[in-house]
């Protein structure tokens, strides 16, 4: 009986390790191709959760008066977000008719969906002071809402990533730009790389190098099945994609 219990425990441990090693899927700007959805909308987040993927990625920008809003482009409805007060922007609609969400709106919705990770991308801003401000604001809000374990951070700005590493050292933080090797990223206190998939065509060795350093590896934005399969064989940890259901079907 004792031997059987030990065997079952060992089998469960192996299963858990296999699941952990398996490539997982992140919906790029949420599952925005689903009916009634739109990029970076709360609906896109909810649809990603319904699709049972690992995470839903979204982008944040800082308004002129310091409100953090969820939007990919630095303009919306003819307004430049960084130069416009939130009162002017809040009435603007996304393509599915939803109002422009704030980070607070998005986190509140995400907290009701504990089965999905929120992959928070801080867009580069014009000055380091602005990047410091939005980085601190994001981390503070996540902590106030008790969502440190559910929110992961990414950015094309190395400065933002370095600030996040100081402000939230226990969080998952990944650099997006793809221009430096994993060991250089790790040396800056950043624990992940999230590079365009073509970077890994040029540097496939970076996946193992990152893993050997204890780092996570994500590839974006992977929409072709052949590219997905190649990256899965490389053993990347995550695929960020506009085709989350198709990606899930390959894993």
C-alpha atoms as a PDB file:
ATOM      1  CA  UNK A   1       0.000   0.000   0.000  1.00  0.00           C
ATOM      2  CA  UNK A   2       2.812   2.394   0.929  1.00  0.00           C
ATOM      3  CA  UNK A   3       4.621   1.647  -2.334  1.00  0.00           C
ATOM      4  CA  UNK A   4       1.458   2.364  -4.308  1.00  0.00           C
ATOM      5  CA  UNK A   5       1.000   5.707  -2.548  1.00  0.00           C
ATOM      6  CA  UNK A   6       4.594   6.666  -3.285  1.00  0.00           C
ATOM      7  CA  UNK A   7       4.132   5.725  -6.926  1.00  0.00           C
ATOM      8  CA  UNK A   8       0.973   7.827  -7.201  1.00  0.00           C
ATOM      9  CA  UNK A   9       2.693  10.790  -5.560  1.00  0.00           C
ATOM     10  CA  UNK A  10       5.621  10.460  -7.962  1.00  0.00           C
ATOM     11  CA  UNK A  11       3.271  10.249 -10.954  1.00  0.00           C
ATOM     12  CA  UNK A  12       1.415  13.389  -9.818  1.00  0.00           C
ATOM     13  CA  UNK A  13       4.701  15.251  -9.397  1.00  0.00           C
ATOM     14  CA  UNK A  14       5.802  14.281 -12.910  1.00  0.00           C
ATOM     15  CA  UNK A  15       2.438  15.383 -14.302  1.00  0.00           C
ATOM     16  CA  UNK A  16       2.740  18.761 -12.572  1.00  0.00           C
ATOM     17  CA  UNK A  17       6.253  19.249 -13.936  1.00  0.00           C
ATOM     18  CA  UNK A  18       5.093  18.370 -17.445  1.00  0.00           C
ATOM     19  CA  UNK A  19       2.219  20.847 -17.226  1.00  0.00           C
ATOM     20  CA  UNK A  20       4.592  23.521 -15.975  1.00  0.00           C
ATOM     21  CA  UNK A  21       6.990  22.901 -18.882  1.00  0.00           C
ATOM     22  CA  UNK A  22       4.251  23.044 -21.509  1.00  0.00           C
ATOM     23  CA  UNK A  23       4.024  26.146 -23.688  1.00  0.00           C
ATOM     24  CA  UNK A  24       1.033  28.273 -22.693  1.00  0.00           C
ATOM     25  CA  UNK A  25      -1.057  30.816 -24.591  1.00  0.00           C
ATOM     26  CA  UNK A  26      -1.495  34.544 -24.033  1.00  0.00           C
ATOM     27  CA  UNK A  27      -4.226  36.419 -25.908  1.00  0.00           C
ATOM     28  CA  UNK A  28      -2.725  39.526 -27.536  1.00  0.00           C
ATOM     29  CA  UNK A  29      -4.740  42.591 -26.447  1.00  0.00           C
ATOM     30  CA  UNK A  30      -7.280  40.104 -25.142  1.00  0.00           C
ATOM     31  CA  UNK A  31      -9.363  37.768 -27.291  1.00  0.00           C
ATOM     32  CA  UNK A  32     -10.396  40.682 -29.483  1.00  0.00           C
ATOM     33  CA  UNK A  33     -11.455  38.586 -32.467  1.00  0.00           C
ATOM     34  CA  UNK A  34     -14.313  37.052 -30.482  1.00  0.00           C
ATOM     35  CA  UNK A  35     -17.816  38.289 -31.223  1.00  0.00           C
ATOM     36  CA  UNK A  36     -18.673  41.579 -29.497  1.00  0.00           C
ATOM     37  CA  UNK A  37     -15.057  42.188 -28.561  1.00  0.00           C
ATOM     38  CA  UNK A  38     -12.437  44.829 -29.370  1.00  0.00           C
ATOM     39  CA  UNK A  39      -8.724  45.221 -28.736  1.00  0.00           C
ATOM     40  CA  UNK A  40      -7.933  46.028 -25.088  1.00  0.00           C
ATOM     41  CA  UNK A  41     -11.593  46.017 -24.114  1.00  0.00           C
ATOM     42  CA  UNK A  42     -12.902  44.504 -20.898  1.00  0.00           C
ATOM     43  CA  UNK A  43     -14.914  42.143 -23.111  1.00  0.00           C
ATOM     44  CA  UNK A  44     -11.648  40.972 -24.731  1.00  0.00           C
ATOM     45  CA  UNK A  45     -10.325  40.130 -21.275  1.00  0.00           C
ATOM     46  CA  UNK A  46     -13.485  38.216 -20.387  1.00  0.00           C
ATOM     47  CA  UNK A  47     -13.435  36.343 -23.708  1.00  0.00           C
ATOM     48  CA  UNK A  48      -9.807  35.347 -23.108  1.00  0.00           C
ATOM     49  CA  UNK A  49     -10.800  33.970 -19.711  1.00  0.00           C
ATOM     50  CA  UNK A  50     -13.656  32.030 -21.327  1.00  0.00           C
ATOM     51  CA  UNK A  51     -11.140  30.562 -23.792  1.00  0.00           C
ATOM     52  CA  UNK A  52      -9.172  29.279 -20.766  1.00  0.00           C
ATOM     53  CA  UNK A  53      -5.809  30.589 -21.926  1.00  0.00           C
ATOM     54  CA  UNK A  54      -2.972  31.380 -19.535  1.00  0.00           C
ATOM     55  CA  UNK A  55      -3.092  35.146 -19.873  1.00  0.00           C
ATOM     56  CA  UNK A  56      -4.539  38.234 -21.516  1.00  0.00           C
ATOM     57  CA  UNK A  57      -2.156  40.999 -22.593  1.00  0.00           C
ATOM     58  CA  UNK A  58      -3.140  44.682 -22.528  1.00  0.00           C
ATOM     59  CA  UNK A  59      -1.452  48.069 -22.920  1.00  0.00           C
ATOM     60  CA  UNK A  60      -1.483  51.137 -20.694  1.00  0.00           C
ATOM     61  CA  UNK A  61      -0.823  54.840 -21.280  1.00  0.00           C
ATOM     62  CA  UNK A  62      -0.701  57.880 -18.987  1.00  0.00           C
ATOM     63  CA  UNK A  63      -3.046  60.829 -19.579  1.00  0.00           C
ATOM     64  CA  UNK A  64      -1.958  64.433 -19.111  1.00  0.00           C
ATOM     65  CA  UNK A  65      -3.473  64.499 -15.611  1.00  0.00           C
ATOM     66  CA  UNK A  66      -1.961  61.164 -14.544  1.00  0.00           C
ATOM     67  CA  UNK A  67      -4.804  58.710 -15.112  1.00  0.00           C
ATOM     68  CA  UNK A  68      -3.667  55.319 -16.427  1.00  0.00           C
ATOM     69  CA  UNK A  69      -5.851  54.172 -19.317  1.00  0.00           C
ATOM     70  CA  UNK A  70      -5.874  50.947 -21.323  1.00  0.00           C
ATOM     71  CA  UNK A  71      -5.071  51.572 -24.989  1.00  0.00           C
ATOM     72  CA  UNK A  72      -2.403  50.381 -27.409  1.00  0.00           C
ATOM     73  CA  UNK A  73      -1.876  53.479 -29.567  1.00  0.00           C
ATOM     74  CA  UNK A  74      -0.762  56.784 -28.073  1.00  0.00           C
ATOM     75  CA  UNK A  75      -3.745  58.439 -29.767  1.00  0.00           C
ATOM     76  CA  UNK A  76      -7.481  57.805 -29.597  1.00  0.00           C
ATOM     77  CA  UNK A  77     -10.285  59.610 -31.396  1.00  0.00           C
ATOM     78  CA  UNK A  78      -7.894  62.242 -32.707  1.00  0.00           C
ATOM     79  CA  UNK A  79      -6.467  62.986 -29.236  1.00  0.00           C
ATOM     80  CA  UNK A  80      -2.918  62.310 -28.093  1.00  0.00           C
ATOM     81  CA  UNK A  81      -3.417  60.524 -24.775  1.00  0.00           C
ATOM     82  CA  UNK A  82      -0.345  61.977 -23.031  1.00  0.00           C
ATOM     83  CA  UNK A  83      -1.446  65.513 -23.947  1.00  0.00           C
ATOM     84  CA  UNK A  84      -5.115  65.132 -23.032  1.00  0.00           C
ATOM     85  CA  UNK A  85      -6.933  65.143 -19.707  1.00  0.00           C
ATOM     86  CA  UNK A  86      -8.951  62.087 -18.790  1.00  0.00           C
ATOM     87  CA  UNK A  87     -12.244  64.019 -18.671  1.00  0.00           C
ATOM     88  CA  UNK A  88     -11.885  64.565 -22.410  1.00  0.00           C
ATOM     89  CA  UNK A  89     -11.013  60.948 -23.146  1.00  0.00           C
ATOM     90  CA  UNK A  90     -13.475  59.119 -20.920  1.00  0.00           C
ATOM     91  CA  UNK A  91     -16.390  59.576 -23.306  1.00  0.00           C
ATOM     92  CA  UNK A  92     -14.543  57.998 -26.242  1.00  0.00           C
ATOM     93  CA  UNK A  93     -15.650  54.542 -27.349  1.00  0.00           C
ATOM     94  CA  UNK A  94     -13.768  51.453 -28.450  1.00  0.00           C
ATOM     95  CA  UNK A  95     -14.786  49.662 -31.650  1.00  0.00           C
ATOM     96  CA  UNK A  96     -17.276  47.483 -29.759  1.00  0.00           C
ATOM     97  CA  UNK A  97     -18.950  50.488 -28.139  1.00  0.00           C
ATOM     98  CA  UNK A  98     -17.322  50.123 -24.713  1.00  0.00           C
ATOM     99  CA  UNK A  99     -15.905  53.256 -23.097  1.00  0.00           C
ATOM    100  CA  UNK A 100     -12.125  53.643 -22.901  1.00  0.00           C
ATOM    101  CA  UNK A 101     -11.198  51.605 -19.806  1.00  0.00           C
ATOM    102  CA  UNK A 102      -8.912  52.840 -17.064  1.00  0.00           C
ATOM    103  CA  UNK A 103      -6.385  50.523 -15.484  1.00  0.00           C
ATOM    104  CA  UNK A 104      -8.603  50.465 -12.407  1.00  0.00           C
ATOM    105  CA  UNK A 105     -11.560  49.291 -14.533  1.00  0.00           C
ATOM    106  CA  UNK A 106      -9.424  46.561 -16.086  1.00  0.00           C
ATOM    107  CA  UNK A 107      -8.000  45.307 -12.819  1.00  0.00           C
ATOM    108  CA  UNK A 108     -11.438  45.212 -11.203  1.00  0.00           C
ATOM    109  CA  UNK A 109     -12.698  43.079 -14.083  1.00  0.00           C
ATOM    110  CA  UNK A 110      -9.615  40.866 -13.928  1.00  0.00           C
ATOM    111  CA  UNK A 111      -9.966  40.297 -10.208  1.00  0.00           C
ATOM    112  CA  UNK A 112     -13.300  38.634 -10.925  1.00  0.00           C
ATOM    113  CA  UNK A 113     -11.478  36.236 -13.283  1.00  0.00           C
ATOM    114  CA  UNK A 114      -8.859  34.616 -11.029  1.00  0.00           C
ATOM    115  CA  UNK A 115      -8.113  31.850 -13.540  1.00  0.00           C
ATOM    116  CA  UNK A 116      -6.345  34.171 -15.983  1.00  0.00           C
ATOM    117  CA  UNK A 117      -3.117  36.151 -15.703  1.00  0.00           C
ATOM    118  CA  UNK A 118      -3.155  39.830 -16.635  1.00  0.00           C
ATOM    119  CA  UNK A 119      -0.119  40.700 -18.752  1.00  0.00           C
ATOM    120  CA  UNK A 120       0.264  44.450 -18.273  1.00  0.00           C
ATOM    121  CA  UNK A 121       2.319  46.220 -20.940  1.00  0.00           C
ATOM    122  CA  UNK A 122       3.550  49.702 -20.042  1.00  0.00           C
ATOM    123  CA  UNK A 123       4.119  51.602 -23.272  1.00  0.00           C
ATOM    124  CA  UNK A 124       7.263  53.713 -23.624  1.00  0.00           C
ATOM    125  CA  UNK A 125       6.694  57.394 -22.809  1.00  0.00           C
ATOM    126  CA  UNK A 126       8.561  60.483 -23.969  1.00  0.00           C
ATOM    127  CA  UNK A 127      10.502  61.067 -20.757  1.00  0.00           C
ATOM    128  CA  UNK A 128      11.917  58.876 -18.001  1.00  0.00           C
ATOM    129  CA  UNK A 129       9.941  60.959 -15.504  1.00  0.00           C
ATOM    130  CA  UNK A 130       6.698  59.908 -17.218  1.00  0.00           C
ATOM    131  CA  UNK A 131       7.867  56.298 -17.312  1.00  0.00           C
ATOM    132  CA  UNK A 132       8.686  56.448 -13.603  1.00  0.00           C
ATOM    133  CA  UNK A 133       5.254  57.893 -12.910  1.00  0.00           C
ATOM    134  CA  UNK A 134       3.285  55.273 -14.809  1.00  0.00           C
ATOM    135  CA  UNK A 135       5.443  52.396 -13.514  1.00  0.00           C
ATOM    136  CA  UNK A 136       4.927  53.485  -9.908  1.00  0.00           C
ATOM    137  CA  UNK A 137       1.214  54.045 -10.520  1.00  0.00           C
ATOM    138  CA  UNK A 138       0.681  50.601 -12.007  1.00  0.00           C
ATOM    139  CA  UNK A 139       2.557  48.796  -9.234  1.00  0.00           C
ATOM    140  CA  UNK A 140       0.803  50.795  -6.532  1.00  0.00           C
ATOM    141  CA  UNK A 141      -2.664  50.038  -7.928  1.00  0.00           C
ATOM    142  CA  UNK A 142      -1.896  46.334  -8.371  1.00  0.00           C
ATOM    143  CA  UNK A 143      -0.675  46.137  -4.769  1.00  0.00           C
ATOM    144  CA  UNK A 144      -3.665  48.071  -3.413  1.00  0.00           C
ATOM    145  CA  UNK A 145      -5.994  45.597  -5.136  1.00  0.00           C
ATOM    146  CA  UNK A 146      -4.028  42.600  -3.850  1.00  0.00           C
ATOM    147  CA  UNK A 147      -3.329  41.332  -7.371  1.00  0.00           C
ATOM    148  CA  UNK A 148       0.466  40.939  -7.243  1.00  0.00           C
ATOM    149  CA  UNK A 149       0.251  37.236  -8.128  1.00  0.00           C
ATOM    150  CA  UNK A 150      -2.215  37.724 -10.993  1.00  0.00           C
ATOM    151  CA  UNK A 151      -0.476  40.615 -12.789  1.00  0.00           C
ATOM    152  CA  UNK A 152       2.727  40.290 -14.808  1.00  0.00           C
ATOM    153  CA  UNK A 153       4.573  43.212 -16.430  1.00  0.00           C
ATOM    154  CA  UNK A 154       6.137  43.733 -19.851  1.00  0.00           C
ATOM    155  CA  UNK A 155       7.582  46.736 -21.679  1.00  0.00           C
ATOM    156  CA  UNK A 156       9.640  47.760 -24.697  1.00  0.00           C
ATOM    157  CA  UNK A 157      11.300  50.338 -22.452  1.00  0.00           C
ATOM    158  CA  UNK A 158      14.338  48.948 -20.670  1.00  0.00           C
ATOM    159  CA  UNK A 159      14.045  51.835 -18.204  1.00  0.00           C
ATOM    160  CA  UNK A 160      10.474  50.821 -17.339  1.00  0.00           C
ATOM    161  CA  UNK A 161      11.545  47.199 -16.824  1.00  0.00           C
ATOM    162  CA  UNK A 162      14.391  48.284 -14.538  1.00  0.00           C
ATOM    163  CA  UNK A 163      11.993  50.429 -12.508  1.00  0.00           C
ATOM    164  CA  UNK A 164       9.522  47.566 -12.226  1.00  0.00           C
ATOM    165  CA  UNK A 165      12.301  45.253 -11.026  1.00  0.00           C
ATOM    166  CA  UNK A 166      12.934  47.694  -8.172  1.00  0.00           C
ATOM    167  CA  UNK A 167       9.275  48.397  -7.378  1.00  0.00           C
ATOM    168  CA  UNK A 168       7.974  44.824  -7.707  1.00  0.00           C
ATOM    169  CA  UNK A 169      10.971  42.480  -7.375  1.00  0.00           C
ATOM    170  CA  UNK A 170       8.790  39.425  -6.762  1.00  0.00           C
ATOM    171  CA  UNK A 171       6.734  39.951  -9.933  1.00  0.00           C
ATOM    172  CA  UNK A 172       7.180  38.456 -13.385  1.00  0.00           C
ATOM    173  CA  UNK A 173       8.762  41.180 -15.550  1.00  0.00           C
ATOM    174  CA  UNK A 174       9.787  40.740 -19.185  1.00  0.00           C
ATOM    175  CA  UNK A 175      11.626  42.943 -21.657  1.00  0.00           C
ATOM    176  CA  UNK A 176      10.079  43.161 -25.121  1.00  0.00           C
ATOM    177  CA  UNK A 177      12.520  44.839 -27.463  1.00  0.00           C
ATOM    178  CA  UNK A 178      14.571  41.800 -28.486  1.00  0.00           C
ATOM    179  CA  UNK A 179      17.869  43.633 -28.852  1.00  0.00           C
ATOM    180  CA  UNK A 180      19.915  42.122 -26.008  1.00  0.00           C
ATOM    181  CA  UNK A 181      20.790  38.618 -24.862  1.00  0.00           C
ATOM    182  CA  UNK A 182      19.084  37.046 -21.838  1.00  0.00           C
ATOM    183  CA  UNK A 183      22.187  37.329 -19.638  1.00  0.00           C
ATOM    184  CA  UNK A 184      22.208  41.106 -20.143  1.00  0.00           C
ATOM    185  CA  UNK A 185      18.504  41.312 -19.278  1.00  0.00           C
ATOM    186  CA  UNK A 186      19.019  39.171 -16.181  1.00  0.00           C
ATOM    187  CA  UNK A 187      21.921  41.389 -15.068  1.00  0.00           C
ATOM    188  CA  UNK A 188      19.480  44.289 -14.855  1.00  0.00           C
ATOM    189  CA  UNK A 189      17.234  42.406 -12.424  1.00  0.00           C
ATOM    190  CA  UNK A 190      14.612  41.514 -15.061  1.00  0.00           C
ATOM    191  CA  UNK A 191      13.418  37.908 -14.965  1.00  0.00           C
ATOM    192  CA  UNK A 192      11.953  37.350 -18.422  1.00  0.00           C
ATOM    193  CA  UNK A 193      12.319  37.979 -22.144  1.00  0.00           C
ATOM    194  CA  UNK A 194       9.304  38.509 -24.391  1.00  0.00           C
ATOM    195  CA  UNK A 195      10.686  38.870 -27.913  1.00  0.00           C
ATOM    196  CA  UNK A 196       9.202  38.944 -31.403  1.00  0.00           C
ATOM    197  CA  UNK A 197       9.191  35.407 -32.761  1.00  0.00           C
ATOM    198  CA  UNK A 198      11.641  36.292 -35.541  1.00  0.00           C
ATOM    199  CA  UNK A 199      14.255  37.120 -32.893  1.00  0.00           C
ATOM    200  CA  UNK A 200      14.217  33.443 -31.941  1.00  0.00           C
ATOM    201  CA  UNK A 201      14.701  32.472 -35.591  1.00  0.00           C
ATOM    202  CA  UNK A 202      17.961  34.416 -35.437  1.00  0.00           C
ATOM    203  CA  UNK A 203      18.862  33.443 -31.863  1.00  0.00           C
ATOM    204  CA  UNK A 204      17.213  30.097 -31.018  1.00  0.00           C
ATOM    205  CA  UNK A 205      19.924  29.569 -28.388  1.00  0.00           C
ATOM    206  CA  UNK A 206      18.448  32.423 -26.351  1.00  0.00           C
ATOM    207  CA  UNK A 207      15.564  30.196 -25.230  1.00  0.00           C
ATOM    208  CA  UNK A 208      17.847  27.702 -23.482  1.00  0.00           C
ATOM    209  CA  UNK A 209      20.135  30.482 -22.264  1.00  0.00           C
ATOM    210  CA  UNK A 210      17.182  32.212 -20.612  1.00  0.00           C
ATOM    211  CA  UNK A 211      15.916  28.969 -19.082  1.00  0.00           C
ATOM    212  CA  UNK A 212      19.369  28.170 -17.719  1.00  0.00           C
ATOM    213  CA  UNK A 213      19.291  31.581 -16.023  1.00  0.00           C
ATOM    214  CA  UNK A 214      15.895  30.816 -14.478  1.00  0.00           C
ATOM    215  CA  UNK A 215      14.073  33.217 -16.814  1.00  0.00           C
ATOM    216  CA  UNK A 216      10.726  32.843 -18.577  1.00  0.00           C
ATOM    217  CA  UNK A 217      10.520  33.120 -22.373  1.00  0.00           C
ATOM    218  CA  UNK A 218       7.608  34.524 -24.359  1.00  0.00           C
ATOM    219  CA  UNK A 219       7.316  35.032 -28.129  1.00  0.00           C
ATOM    220  CA  UNK A 220       5.044  37.602 -29.778  1.00  0.00           C
ATOM    221  CA  UNK A 221       2.857  38.027 -31.886  1.00  0.00           C
ATOM    222  CA  UNK A 222       2.657  34.494 -33.295  1.00  0.00           C
ATOM    223  CA  UNK A 223      -0.340  33.976 -35.593  1.00  0.00           C
ATOM    224  CA  UNK A 224       0.839  31.377 -38.110  1.00  0.00           C
ATOM    225  CA  UNK A 225       0.519  27.708 -37.136  1.00  0.00           C
ATOM    226  CA  UNK A 226       3.954  26.784 -38.517  1.00  0.00           C
ATOM    227  CA  UNK A 227       5.586  29.530 -36.465  1.00  0.00           C
ATOM    228  CA  UNK A 228       3.687  28.367 -33.400  1.00  0.00           C
ATOM    229  CA  UNK A 229       4.835  24.777 -33.887  1.00  0.00           C
ATOM    230  CA  UNK A 230       8.462  25.835 -34.337  1.00  0.00           C
ATOM    231  CA  UNK A 231       8.406  27.868 -31.121  1.00  0.00           C
ATOM    232  CA  UNK A 232       6.682  25.095 -29.210  1.00  0.00           C
ATOM    233  CA  UNK A 233       9.513  22.783 -30.292  1.00  0.00           C
ATOM    234  CA  UNK A 234      11.970  25.401 -29.013  1.00  0.00           C
ATOM    235  CA  UNK A 235      10.148  25.126 -25.654  1.00  0.00           C
ATOM    236  CA  UNK A 236       9.226  28.756 -25.183  1.00  0.00           C
ATOM    237  CA  UNK A 237       7.071  29.199 -22.088  1.00  0.00           C
ATOM    238  CA  UNK A 238       4.415  31.353 -23.742  1.00  0.00           C
ATOM    239  CA  UNK A 239       3.033  32.278 -27.149  1.00  0.00           C
ATOM    240  CA  UNK A 240       1.333  35.660 -27.412  1.00  0.00           C
ATOM    241  CA  UNK A 241      -1.133  35.508 -30.280  1.00  0.00           C
ATOM    242  CA  UNK A 242      -4.211  37.013 -31.924  1.00  0.00           C
ATOM    243  CA  UNK A 243      -5.333  33.400 -32.516  1.00  0.00           C
ATOM    244  CA  UNK A 244      -5.585  31.948 -29.009  1.00  0.00           C
ATOM    245  CA  UNK A 245      -7.900  29.068 -29.869  1.00  0.00           C
ATOM    246  CA  UNK A 246      -5.719  27.931 -32.768  1.00  0.00           C
ATOM    247  CA  UNK A 247      -2.624  28.111 -30.556  1.00  0.00           C
ATOM    248  CA  UNK A 248      -4.326  26.087 -27.816  1.00  0.00           C
ATOM    249  CA  UNK A 249      -5.178  23.435 -30.379  1.00  0.00           C
ATOM    250  CA  UNK A 250      -1.483  22.889 -31.168  1.00  0.00           C
ATOM    251  CA  UNK A 251      -0.341  22.392 -27.571  1.00  0.00           C
END
